[in-house]
Protein backbone atom coordinates (compact mmCIF):
# COMPACT_ATOMS: atom_id res chain seq x y z
CA MET A 1 119.81 -34.47 3.60
CA LYS A 2 120.17 -30.73 4.12
CA ALA A 3 120.88 -29.70 7.70
CA GLY A 4 118.49 -27.28 9.39
CA GLU A 5 115.68 -27.85 6.89
CA ALA A 6 112.51 -29.90 7.45
CA THR A 7 112.55 -32.95 5.20
CA ASP A 8 110.34 -36.03 5.03
CA VAL A 9 112.24 -39.31 5.45
CA GLU A 10 110.56 -42.28 3.78
CA PHE A 11 111.55 -45.89 4.37
CA THR A 12 110.25 -49.30 3.30
CA LEU A 13 109.02 -52.11 5.58
CA ASN A 14 109.38 -55.65 4.22
CA ASP A 15 107.89 -58.93 5.37
CA GLN A 16 109.76 -62.17 6.00
CA TYR A 17 109.79 -62.87 2.26
CA ALA A 18 111.57 -59.57 1.47
CA GLN A 19 108.37 -58.20 -0.06
CA LYS A 20 106.68 -54.95 0.90
CA LEU A 21 104.43 -55.51 3.88
CA ARG A 22 100.84 -55.54 2.61
CA THR A 23 99.10 -54.87 5.92
CA ASP A 24 99.22 -51.62 7.90
CA ALA A 25 101.65 -51.57 10.83
CA THR A 26 102.14 -49.12 13.70
CA LEU A 27 105.82 -48.50 14.36
CA THR A 28 107.95 -46.64 16.89
CA VAL A 29 110.81 -44.58 15.49
CA LYS A 30 113.76 -43.53 17.70
CA VAL A 31 116.25 -40.91 16.43
CA ILE A 32 119.61 -40.91 18.27
CA ASP A 33 122.36 -38.29 17.79
CA LYS A 34 126.13 -38.69 18.34
CA ASP A 35 125.73 -37.85 22.03
CA ASN A 36 123.07 -40.59 22.44
CA ASN A 37 120.28 -38.04 22.84
CA GLU A 38 117.10 -39.76 21.73
CA THR A 39 113.73 -38.60 20.39
CA SER A 40 110.82 -40.93 19.76
CA SER A 41 107.73 -40.81 17.53
CA THR A 42 105.06 -43.12 16.12
CA VAL A 43 104.50 -43.71 12.40
CA THR A 44 102.21 -45.97 10.38
CA ALA A 45 103.47 -48.13 7.50
CA THR A 46 100.89 -48.41 4.72
CA ALA A 47 101.52 -50.84 1.84
CA GLY A 48 105.08 -51.15 3.09
CA LYS A 49 105.83 -47.40 3.10
CA ALA A 50 106.38 -45.28 6.21
CA THR A 51 107.36 -41.61 6.56
CA ILE A 52 109.03 -39.62 9.31
CA SER A 53 107.60 -36.15 8.71
CA ASP A 54 109.61 -32.93 9.05
CA PHE A 55 112.93 -34.50 9.97
CA ASN A 56 114.88 -31.33 10.86
CA LYS A 57 118.32 -31.74 12.42
CA ALA A 58 121.59 -29.88 12.74
CA GLU A 59 124.66 -31.02 10.85
CA GLY A 60 125.76 -34.51 11.86
CA ASP A 61 125.00 -38.23 11.65
CA TYR A 62 121.82 -39.69 13.21
CA THR A 63 120.84 -43.30 13.86
CA VAL A 64 117.19 -44.13 13.24
CA LYS A 65 115.88 -47.30 14.96
CA VAL A 66 112.51 -48.75 13.93
CA LEU A 67 110.58 -50.89 16.45
CA SER A 68 107.48 -53.03 16.23
CA GLY A 69 106.29 -53.10 19.80
CA ASP A 70 109.47 -53.62 21.83
CA ALA A 71 111.32 -55.45 19.05
CA GLU A 72 113.79 -53.53 16.92
CA ILE A 73 113.19 -54.63 13.32
CA GLY A 74 115.73 -52.43 11.54
CA SER A 75 117.79 -49.26 11.54
CA PHE A 76 119.45 -46.79 9.18
CA THR A 77 121.58 -43.64 9.30
CA VAL A 78 120.62 -40.13 8.24
CA LYS A 79 123.38 -37.64 7.47
CA ALA A 80 122.48 -33.94 7.80
CA VAL A 81 124.82 -31.85 5.64
CA ASP A 82 125.56 -28.15 6.00
CA LEU A 83 125.27 -27.13 2.35
CA ALA A 84 126.63 -23.67 3.10
CA SER A 85 130.05 -25.25 3.56
CA ALA A 86 129.60 -28.17 1.15
CA THR A 87 130.63 -28.11 -2.50
CA VAL A 88 128.88 -29.81 -5.41
CA ASP A 89 130.74 -33.02 -6.16
CA LYS A 90 128.50 -34.57 -8.80
CA TYR A 91 126.21 -33.51 -11.68
CA GLU A 92 123.84 -35.62 -13.77
CA LEU A 93 121.90 -34.94 -17.00
CA THR A 94 118.60 -36.82 -17.32
CA VAL A 95 115.53 -36.89 -19.61
CA ALA A 96 111.96 -37.96 -18.92
CA ASP A 97 111.91 -40.72 -21.56
CA LYS A 98 114.38 -41.44 -24.37
CA ALA A 99 117.22 -39.09 -25.27
CA GLN A 100 115.93 -38.93 -28.80
CA ILE A 101 114.69 -36.22 -31.21
CA ASP A 102 112.65 -36.79 -34.38
CA LEU A 103 113.26 -34.11 -37.01
CA LYS A 104 109.74 -34.70 -38.31
CA GLY A 105 108.63 -32.67 -35.31
CA LYS A 106 109.95 -29.53 -37.04
CA LEU A 107 106.81 -29.62 -39.21
CA SER A 108 104.45 -29.44 -36.23
CA THR A 109 103.00 -26.36 -34.53
CA PRO A 110 104.76 -25.43 -32.34
CA PRO A 111 107.89 -27.22 -33.52
CA ALA A 112 108.45 -30.40 -31.51
CA ALA A 113 111.95 -31.28 -32.75
CA ASP A 114 113.50 -30.63 -29.36
CA LEU A 115 114.24 -32.34 -26.04
CA THR A 116 114.14 -31.10 -22.44
CA VAL A 117 117.12 -32.13 -20.31
CA SER A 118 117.14 -31.85 -16.50
CA ILE A 119 120.19 -31.26 -14.32
CA ASN A 120 120.71 -33.02 -10.98
CA ALA A 121 123.42 -31.91 -8.59
CA PHE A 122 124.75 -33.56 -5.42
CA ALA A 123 126.78 -32.13 -2.52
CA ASP A 124 128.18 -34.63 -0.05
CA GLU A 125 125.61 -37.15 -1.41
CA VAL A 126 122.71 -34.74 -0.84
CA LYS A 127 120.55 -34.27 -3.95
CA LEU A 128 120.06 -30.54 -4.22
CA ALA A 129 116.69 -28.94 -4.80
CA GLY A 130 115.09 -25.52 -5.03
CA GLN A 131 117.39 -22.52 -4.73
CA ASP A 132 120.34 -24.74 -3.78
CA LEU A 133 120.05 -26.49 -7.16
CA THR A 134 119.54 -23.23 -9.04
CA ASN A 135 122.65 -21.77 -7.40
CA ALA A 136 124.63 -24.88 -8.30
CA VAL A 137 123.86 -24.65 -12.05
CA THR A 138 123.76 -20.88 -12.59
CA GLY A 139 126.64 -19.77 -14.81
CA LEU A 140 127.41 -23.20 -16.23
CA LYS A 141 127.39 -23.64 -20.01
CA LEU A 142 126.53 -26.30 -22.58
CA GLU A 143 128.42 -27.80 -25.49
CA THR A 144 127.51 -30.19 -28.30
CA SER A 145 129.84 -32.52 -30.14
CA ASP A 146 128.05 -31.79 -33.44
CA LYS A 147 125.81 -28.75 -33.82
CA ASP A 148 124.50 -30.06 -37.16
CA ILE A 149 122.94 -32.96 -35.22
CA VAL A 150 122.00 -31.29 -31.91
CA ALA A 151 121.97 -27.56 -31.18
CA VAL A 152 122.30 -26.30 -27.58
CA PRO A 153 121.63 -22.85 -26.02
CA ALA A 154 124.63 -20.54 -26.25
CA ASP A 155 123.90 -18.53 -23.09
CA ALA A 156 124.98 -19.51 -19.60
CA LEU A 157 122.40 -21.45 -17.60
CA THR A 158 120.04 -19.82 -15.11
CA ALA A 159 117.83 -22.83 -14.33
CA ALA A 160 118.11 -26.57 -13.69
CA SER A 161 116.76 -27.61 -17.10
CA PHE A 162 117.38 -26.69 -20.72
CA THR A 163 116.14 -27.54 -24.21
CA VAL A 164 118.21 -28.89 -27.08
CA SER A 165 117.01 -28.93 -30.69
CA GLY A 166 117.45 -31.24 -33.64
CA GLY A 167 119.78 -29.80 -36.29
CA THR A 168 119.85 -30.61 -39.99
CA LYS A 169 121.08 -34.20 -40.01
CA THR A 170 120.60 -37.45 -38.12
CA GLY A 171 123.05 -39.22 -35.83
CA VAL A 172 124.22 -39.13 -32.22
CA ALA A 173 125.74 -36.08 -30.55
CA THR A 174 127.07 -35.66 -27.02
CA VAL A 175 125.65 -32.78 -24.99
CA SER A 176 127.96 -31.71 -22.16
CA LEU A 177 127.55 -29.54 -19.09
CA VAL A 178 130.75 -27.55 -18.63
CA LYS A 179 132.27 -25.04 -16.23
CA VAL A 180 134.47 -22.41 -17.86
CA GLU A 181 137.03 -20.57 -15.78
CA GLY A 182 139.19 -18.37 -18.01
CA ASP A 183 140.95 -20.68 -20.44
CA PHE A 184 140.24 -23.72 -18.29
CA LYS A 185 137.15 -25.83 -18.96
CA THR A 186 135.80 -28.71 -16.89
CA THR A 187 133.19 -31.17 -18.19
CA LEU A 188 130.78 -31.89 -15.33
CA ALA A 189 128.25 -34.25 -16.98
CA SER A 190 127.28 -35.54 -20.42
CA ILE A 191 124.39 -37.22 -22.21
CA ASN A 192 124.18 -38.76 -25.69
CA VAL A 193 121.23 -37.54 -27.78
CA GLU A 194 120.10 -39.44 -30.88
CA VAL A 195 118.46 -37.58 -33.76
CA ILE A 196 116.25 -39.53 -36.17
CA ASN A 197 114.06 -38.44 -39.08
CA THR A 198 110.82 -40.29 -39.84
CA THR A 199 109.76 -37.73 -42.48
CA PRO A 200 109.24 -39.47 -45.88
CA GLN A 201 112.46 -39.02 -47.86
CA ILE A 202 112.76 -38.03 -51.52
CA THR A 203 115.47 -40.35 -52.84
CA ALA A 204 114.76 -40.12 -56.59
CA LEU A 205 113.23 -37.72 -59.10
CA ALA A 206 112.18 -38.39 -62.69
CA LEU A 207 110.60 -36.48 -65.56
CA GLN A 208 106.84 -36.82 -65.74
CA GLU A 209 105.37 -38.80 -68.61
CA GLY A 210 105.55 -36.79 -71.81
CA LYS A 211 108.18 -34.39 -70.44
CA THR A 212 111.72 -34.26 -71.86
CA LYS A 213 113.05 -31.34 -69.81
CA VAL A 214 112.09 -28.78 -67.21
CA GLU A 215 110.69 -25.73 -69.00
CA PHE A 216 110.01 -22.24 -67.67
CA SER A 217 108.76 -18.98 -69.17
CA GLY A 218 109.35 -16.47 -66.37
CA GLU A 219 112.42 -14.41 -65.64
CA ALA A 220 113.81 -17.24 -63.51
CA ILE A 221 113.04 -20.91 -63.04
CA THR A 222 110.93 -21.63 -59.93
CA ALA A 223 110.04 -24.56 -57.70
CA ASP A 224 106.61 -24.59 -59.32
CA ASP A 225 108.24 -25.06 -62.74
CA VAL A 226 110.16 -28.02 -61.33
CA VAL A 227 107.05 -29.59 -59.77
CA ALA A 228 105.21 -29.21 -63.10
CA ALA A 229 107.86 -31.30 -64.87
CA LEU A 230 109.24 -33.76 -62.31
CA THR A 231 107.83 -36.44 -60.05
CA ALA A 232 108.95 -38.41 -56.99
CA GLY A 233 106.03 -40.77 -57.36
CA LYS A 234 102.79 -40.78 -55.42
CA ASP A 235 101.99 -41.62 -51.80
CA GLU A 236 99.47 -44.13 -50.47
CA GLU A 237 96.71 -41.58 -51.04
CA ASP A 238 97.70 -41.20 -54.72
CA LYS A 239 99.03 -37.69 -54.17
CA GLU A 240 102.25 -36.38 -55.70
CA ILE A 241 105.07 -36.65 -53.18
CA LEU A 242 107.07 -33.79 -54.68
CA THR A 243 105.63 -30.38 -53.78
CA ALA A 244 107.17 -26.92 -54.06
CA ASP A 245 107.57 -26.51 -50.29
CA LYS A 246 109.93 -29.52 -50.19
CA ILE A 247 112.45 -27.88 -52.51
CA GLU A 248 115.33 -25.92 -50.95
CA THR A 249 116.78 -24.24 -54.06
CA VAL A 250 116.36 -24.27 -57.84
CA THR A 251 119.34 -23.10 -59.96
CA PHE A 252 119.36 -22.74 -63.75
CA VAL A 253 122.75 -23.14 -65.41
CA GLU A 254 122.22 -21.40 -68.73
CA SER A 255 125.57 -22.40 -70.24
CA ASP A 256 124.76 -26.10 -69.81
CA ALA A 257 120.96 -25.82 -70.15
CA LYS A 258 120.60 -27.65 -66.85
CA VAL A 259 118.57 -27.10 -63.69
CA ILE A 260 119.95 -28.09 -60.28
CA VAL A 261 117.24 -29.05 -57.77
CA LYS A 262 118.16 -29.33 -54.10
CA ILE A 263 115.64 -30.95 -51.75
CA LYS A 264 115.29 -29.61 -48.18
CA ALA A 265 117.38 -31.49 -45.62
CA ILE A 266 114.35 -32.74 -43.69
CA TYR A 267 113.14 -34.54 -46.85
CA GLY A 268 116.52 -36.09 -47.65
CA GLY A 269 118.66 -33.16 -48.80
CA LYS A 270 119.58 -34.78 -52.14
CA THR A 271 120.51 -32.78 -55.24
CA PHE A 272 119.26 -33.66 -58.74
CA VAL A 273 120.18 -32.31 -62.20
CA PHE A 274 117.89 -32.25 -65.27
CA ASP A 275 117.86 -30.69 -68.74
CA ALA A 276 116.06 -27.35 -68.74
CA ALA A 277 115.09 -24.63 -71.18
CA LYS A 278 113.40 -21.26 -71.21
CA VAL A 279 110.43 -21.11 -73.57
CA GLU A 280 108.44 -18.22 -74.89
CA ALA A 281 104.95 -18.07 -73.46
CA ASP A 282 102.34 -18.19 -76.24
CA ASP A 283 99.33 -16.00 -75.63
CA THR A 284 96.83 -17.89 -77.75
CA THR A 285 94.01 -15.63 -76.63
CA GLN A 286 95.43 -12.59 -78.42
CA PRO A 287 95.60 -12.08 -82.20
CA PRO A 288 98.97 -11.20 -83.78
CA ALA A 289 99.85 -7.52 -83.65
CA GLY A 290 97.90 -5.80 -86.35
CA GLY A 291 96.42 -9.10 -87.43
CA ASP A 292 92.86 -10.25 -87.65
CA ASP A 293 91.01 -12.01 -84.90
CA THR A 294 90.59 -15.41 -86.55
CA THR A 295 87.24 -15.86 -84.86
CA GLN A 296 85.88 -12.97 -86.95
CA PRO A 297 84.66 -13.55 -90.51
CA PRO A 298 86.53 -12.04 -93.48
CA ALA A 299 85.54 -8.50 -94.38
CA GLY A 300 82.18 -8.57 -96.08
CA GLY A 301 81.95 -12.30 -95.75
CA ASP A 302 79.49 -14.42 -93.86
CA ASP A 303 80.21 -15.25 -90.26
CA THR A 304 80.12 -19.04 -90.50
CA THR A 305 80.31 -19.28 -86.73
CA GLN A 306 76.90 -17.67 -86.34
CA PRO A 307 74.12 -20.08 -85.30
CA PRO A 308 70.86 -20.50 -87.18
CA ALA A 309 68.31 -17.76 -86.65
CA GLY A 310 67.19 -17.72 -83.05
CA GLY A 311 70.12 -19.84 -81.90
CA ASP A 312 72.87 -18.91 -79.51
CA ASP A 313 76.28 -17.83 -80.72
CA VAL A 314 78.46 -20.19 -78.72
CA THR A 315 81.66 -18.51 -79.89
CA GLN A 316 80.67 -15.06 -78.66
CA PRO A 317 80.74 -14.14 -74.95
CA PRO A 318 77.87 -12.34 -73.27
CA ALA A 319 78.06 -8.59 -73.39
CA GLY A 320 80.90 -7.56 -71.08
CA GLY A 321 81.85 -11.23 -70.63
CA ASP A 322 85.03 -13.20 -71.06
CA ASP A 323 87.07 -13.67 -74.18
CA VAL A 324 85.79 -16.46 -76.43
CA THR A 325 88.97 -18.40 -75.78
CA GLN A 326 87.86 -19.15 -72.21
CA PRO A 327 86.81 -22.80 -71.63
CA PRO A 328 83.12 -23.65 -71.79
CA ALA A 329 80.97 -23.77 -68.66
CA GLY A 330 82.02 -26.57 -66.36
CA GLU A 331 85.67 -26.34 -67.44
CA GLU A 332 86.47 -22.89 -66.12
CA GLN A 333 89.96 -22.62 -64.65
CA PRO A 334 90.12 -22.22 -60.86
CA ILE A 335 90.06 -18.65 -59.63
CA VAL A 336 92.93 -19.48 -57.25
CA SER A 337 95.98 -21.50 -58.29
CA ASP A 338 96.20 -24.91 -56.62
CA THR A 339 99.95 -24.39 -56.16
CA VAL A 340 100.39 -22.91 -52.69
CA ASP A 341 103.56 -21.22 -51.47
CA TRP A 342 104.24 -21.93 -47.78
CA SER A 343 107.35 -20.39 -46.21
CA ASN A 344 108.44 -18.27 -43.25
CA GLY A 345 105.13 -18.76 -41.43
CA VAL A 346 103.07 -17.37 -44.34
CA VAL A 347 100.83 -19.18 -46.81
CA THR A 348 100.60 -17.27 -50.10
CA LEU A 349 97.78 -17.93 -52.58
CA THR A 350 98.06 -16.71 -56.18
CA PHE A 351 95.05 -15.80 -58.30
CA THR A 352 95.07 -17.21 -61.83
CA ALA A 353 95.45 -15.09 -64.96
CA GLY A 354 92.44 -12.86 -65.46
CA ASN A 355 91.31 -13.25 -61.85
CA GLU A 356 93.83 -10.94 -60.13
CA ALA A 357 91.15 -8.32 -59.42
CA VAL A 358 88.76 -10.75 -57.71
CA ALA A 359 88.12 -9.80 -54.05
CA GLY A 360 87.55 -12.25 -51.22
CA THR A 361 87.43 -13.07 -47.52
CA PHE A 362 89.69 -15.77 -45.98
CA GLU A 363 88.97 -17.46 -42.62
CA ILE A 364 91.69 -19.50 -40.86
CA VAL A 365 90.09 -22.31 -38.86
CA ALA A 366 91.62 -23.83 -35.70
CA GLU A 367 92.86 -27.41 -35.96
CA GLY A 368 90.11 -29.96 -35.41
CA THR A 369 87.46 -27.28 -34.78
CA THR A 370 85.22 -24.91 -36.68
CA ALA A 371 86.45 -21.87 -34.74
CA THR A 372 87.85 -19.02 -36.82
CA VAL A 373 91.21 -17.92 -35.43
CA GLY A 374 92.00 -15.30 -38.07
CA THR A 375 90.46 -13.48 -40.99
CA VAL A 376 92.19 -11.88 -43.98
CA THR A 377 90.42 -9.72 -46.56
CA LYS A 378 91.86 -9.48 -50.07
CA ASP A 379 91.31 -6.20 -51.90
CA SER A 380 90.37 -6.08 -55.55
CA ALA A 381 93.80 -5.01 -56.77
CA ALA A 382 96.20 -7.63 -55.44
CA GLY A 383 97.03 -10.74 -57.44
CA THR A 384 98.04 -12.62 -54.29
CA VAL A 385 96.94 -12.91 -50.67
CA ALA A 386 99.21 -13.74 -47.71
CA LEU A 387 97.77 -15.72 -44.78
CA PRO A 388 99.65 -15.80 -41.43
CA ILE A 389 99.76 -19.53 -40.59
CA ASP A 390 102.88 -20.36 -38.58
CA GLN A 391 103.85 -23.95 -39.47
CA PRO A 392 100.52 -25.65 -40.33
CA VAL A 393 99.55 -29.01 -38.86
CA ASP A 394 97.31 -31.75 -40.14
CA GLY A 395 93.73 -30.48 -40.15
CA ASN A 396 94.46 -26.77 -40.55
CA VAL A 397 91.78 -25.33 -42.85
CA VAL A 398 91.42 -22.03 -44.66
CA LYS A 399 87.87 -21.31 -45.81
CA PHE A 400 87.40 -18.51 -48.28
CA THR A 401 84.78 -16.97 -50.52
CA VAL A 402 85.67 -14.86 -53.55
CA THR A 403 83.33 -12.93 -55.78
CA LYS A 404 83.66 -12.93 -59.55
CA ASP A 405 81.11 -11.44 -61.95
CA SER A 406 78.70 -11.02 -59.02
CA SER A 407 78.90 -14.77 -58.30
CA ALA A 408 80.27 -16.13 -54.99
CA HIS A 409 82.73 -19.02 -55.14
CA THR A 410 83.55 -20.92 -51.95
CA TYR A 411 86.72 -22.97 -51.43
CA THR A 412 88.60 -24.80 -48.68
CA LEU A 413 92.37 -25.09 -48.41
CA THR A 414 93.39 -28.02 -46.17
CA PHE A 415 96.88 -28.97 -44.98
CA ASP A 416 97.82 -32.64 -45.42
CA GLU A 417 100.65 -33.41 -42.98
CA ALA A 418 101.52 -36.74 -44.62
CA ALA A 419 102.02 -35.06 -47.99
CA GLY A 420 103.41 -31.86 -46.48
CA ALA A 421 101.21 -29.83 -48.82
CA TRP A 422 97.97 -27.87 -49.08
CA THR A 423 94.98 -29.20 -51.04
CA LEU A 424 92.51 -26.83 -52.70
CA ALA A 425 88.86 -27.89 -53.09
CA GLU A 426 85.77 -26.01 -54.28
CA VAL A 427 82.83 -26.31 -51.89
CA THR A 428 80.10 -24.84 -54.09
CA PRO A 429 80.08 -25.25 -57.88
CA GLN A 430 81.18 -22.24 -59.87
CA ALA A 431 78.34 -20.30 -61.48
């Protein structure tokens, strides 16, 4: 132990069967230095454990004799070390449980794909603590045998613990504590860290039934275009496994009419190639330029779409209403697209065609509660709304109400951790 510093000394008292003594015992403890100077005190052993409190001695070796009555029942030696003159001769790296990281933790809030490692240091067999330990580790550095498996802090240490993070692939990497002196480097201690990934992996993609290629109509092909044409199957809850947020990149090769789809590393990192083509978007709601609206009768002719006298004209919208090509009541398209973009700590919702000017209020609800932790108001000009949700977890809910044609529409957007996607649901029927 450290010389000149009060330290508790604990020892164990066994019975004749080499088991911890189960009854309380009053003991006499004699501490004898190298000059045979002796001090005596009384301690009590409870459940086989006894403690000499505030053992504070100068540098040197001390014999401790333990007596029951007048009978000596055992002894041991305590070495008091002057740490001011001692050098650290041993380092250890330890973890609380298993030296293992699960990359699935990267999807949690806050990210849990990391591991805390503690440093132990010993000087002349004394386990350092407090400022002595901090002094012993300050300035040391860390290295990893494979940064793609385990990433370590780049800066020199200032404390007796550090955190390593899972990289982009699984395997085992060695984390080392090193001392760098100019061009000379000494490895002081090492620990092997295993990285696993229990996130469901996407190992195969196929065209959806009825699809022959991936089609897109925008300026560039998107992850949403890919999700609309491809499938990785469905999970145990009958939800599509492939979602846009699981795709790393989408590349259209025009010369070959192919699309290259790369899945994010955490979901398997595989690359797939499919036929693809750009198609012209047909606007079936508009008549040809200069042409007639086919829902109108010929000039001077009878409007055969008119109902009998007194009946309703089901092909005509109410005054100021929607175009007659809108679906009938009960089949109205959602005001907000059910394809949700989640990246860089922001969830972006896109309003469907014709609904870009709809205004609304969005409440972000704390996990497992009904408490609102954030509110975002969408103005009546934007076609999208961005919600600050840093890495959602299972149970995150966004509640929002939007107003269209003086009617309020209420929705919930819930994050499903198993599927890694958001699910949109209408709470109140649309008017």
